[in-house]
Amino acid sequence: MENTINEVIKENILLKEENEKLKKLLENYNNSRKSYYEKNKELVNEKAKERLKKLAQENPDKLKEINRRAYLKRKEKIKNNGEIKEN
């Protein structure tokens, strides 16, 4: 009984260490991406606008579908936020 408890405690410690290690790696990964977008914010936004213009010219139905999905997601998000505030 004591043996299994000690094993579980050791495993728990190892998993906590691994979790911390992975959190640090993820933080480094996210920071590099975040800094890229902060430095090149205007360029990224400009490219996105160009892609939307190109899509509007080539396939306007697809653009309508994308806009509709975005609208429905925003609407659902607002609805969910309202329900959370009421509770």
Protein backbone atom coordinates (compact mmCIF):
# COMPACT_ATOMS: atom_id res chain seq x y z
CA MET A 1 0.00 0.00 0.00
CA GLU A 2 2.75 2.43 1.00
CA ASN A 3 4.71 1.34 -2.07
CA THR A 4 1.93 2.32 -4.45
CA ILE A 5 1.44 5.65 -2.70
CA ASN A 6 5.14 6.44 -3.07
CA GLU A 7 5.04 5.45 -6.74
CA VAL A 8 2.07 7.70 -7.36
CA ILE A 9 3.80 10.59 -5.58
CA LYS A 10 6.97 10.10 -7.66
CA GLU A 11 4.95 9.93 -10.86
CA ASN A 12 3.08 13.07 -9.85
CA ILE A 13 6.36 14.93 -9.29
CA LEU A 14 7.71 13.79 -12.67
CA LEU A 15 4.54 14.88 -14.43
CA LYS A 16 4.64 18.29 -12.76
CA GLU A 17 8.23 18.79 -13.90
CA GLU A 18 7.35 17.75 -17.44
CA ASN A 19 4.34 20.08 -17.38
CA GLU A 20 6.51 23.04 -16.35
CA LYS A 21 9.04 22.21 -19.06
CA LEU A 22 6.33 22.08 -21.73
CA LYS A 23 4.81 25.35 -20.49
CA LYS A 24 8.17 27.08 -20.91
CA LEU A 25 8.57 25.69 -24.43
CA LEU A 26 5.07 26.79 -25.36
CA GLU A 27 5.67 30.25 -23.92
CA ASN A 28 8.84 30.64 -26.00
CA TYR A 29 7.01 29.48 -29.12
CA ASN A 30 4.11 31.87 -28.56
CA ASN A 31 6.34 34.82 -27.70
CA SER A 32 8.25 34.54 -30.96
CA ARG A 33 5.04 34.50 -32.97
CA LYS A 34 3.55 37.33 -30.95
CA SER A 35 6.61 39.51 -31.45
CA TYR A 36 6.54 38.82 -35.22
CA TYR A 37 2.94 39.99 -35.51
CA GLU A 38 3.59 43.02 -33.32
CA LYS A 39 6.52 44.07 -35.51
CA ASN A 40 4.77 43.34 -38.82
CA LYS A 41 1.19 44.19 -37.90
CA GLU A 42 0.64 46.55 -40.82
CA LEU A 43 2.12 44.12 -43.33
CA VAL A 44 -0.02 41.23 -42.07
CA ASN A 45 -3.20 43.33 -42.17
CA GLU A 46 -2.37 44.57 -45.67
CA LYS A 47 -1.84 41.02 -46.95
CA ALA A 48 -5.13 39.91 -45.39
CA LYS A 49 -6.99 42.76 -47.10
CA GLU A 50 -5.40 41.84 -50.43
CA ARG A 51 -6.45 38.21 -50.00
CA LEU A 52 -10.03 39.27 -49.29
CA LYS A 53 -10.10 41.55 -52.35
CA LYS A 54 -8.73 38.76 -54.51
CA LEU A 55 -11.29 36.33 -53.11
CA ALA A 56 -14.10 38.84 -53.70
CA GLN A 57 -13.11 39.12 -57.35
CA GLU A 58 -12.59 35.41 -57.97
CA ASN A 59 -15.37 33.87 -55.91
CA PRO A 60 -17.88 36.27 -54.32
CA ASP A 61 -20.11 33.41 -53.12
CA LYS A 62 -17.31 32.00 -50.99
CA LEU A 63 -16.73 35.45 -49.47
CA LYS A 64 -20.43 35.68 -48.59
CA GLU A 65 -20.21 32.27 -46.94
CA ILE A 66 -17.13 33.29 -44.94
CA ASN A 67 -18.78 36.52 -43.79
CA ARG A 68 -21.96 34.70 -42.81
CA ARG A 69 -20.02 32.15 -40.73
CA ALA A 70 -18.13 34.97 -39.00
CA TYR A 71 -21.41 36.77 -38.28
CA LEU A 72 -22.99 33.64 -36.81
CA LYS A 73 -19.95 33.00 -34.61
CA ARG A 74 -20.01 36.59 -33.33
CA LYS A 75 -23.72 36.32 -32.65
CA GLU A 76 -23.26 33.03 -30.75
CA LYS A 77 -20.38 34.48 -28.73
CA ILE A 78 -22.46 37.50 -27.72
CA LYS A 79 -25.33 35.23 -26.76
CA ASN A 80 -23.05 33.02 -24.64
CA ASN A 81 -21.52 36.05 -22.91
CA GLY A 82 -25.01 37.34 -22.09
CA GLU A 83 -25.99 34.00 -20.56
CA ILE A 84 -22.85 33.89 -18.45
CA LYS A 85 -23.45 37.41 -17.10
CA GLU A 86 -27.03 36.52 -16.18
CA ASN A 87 -25.88 33.53 -14.13
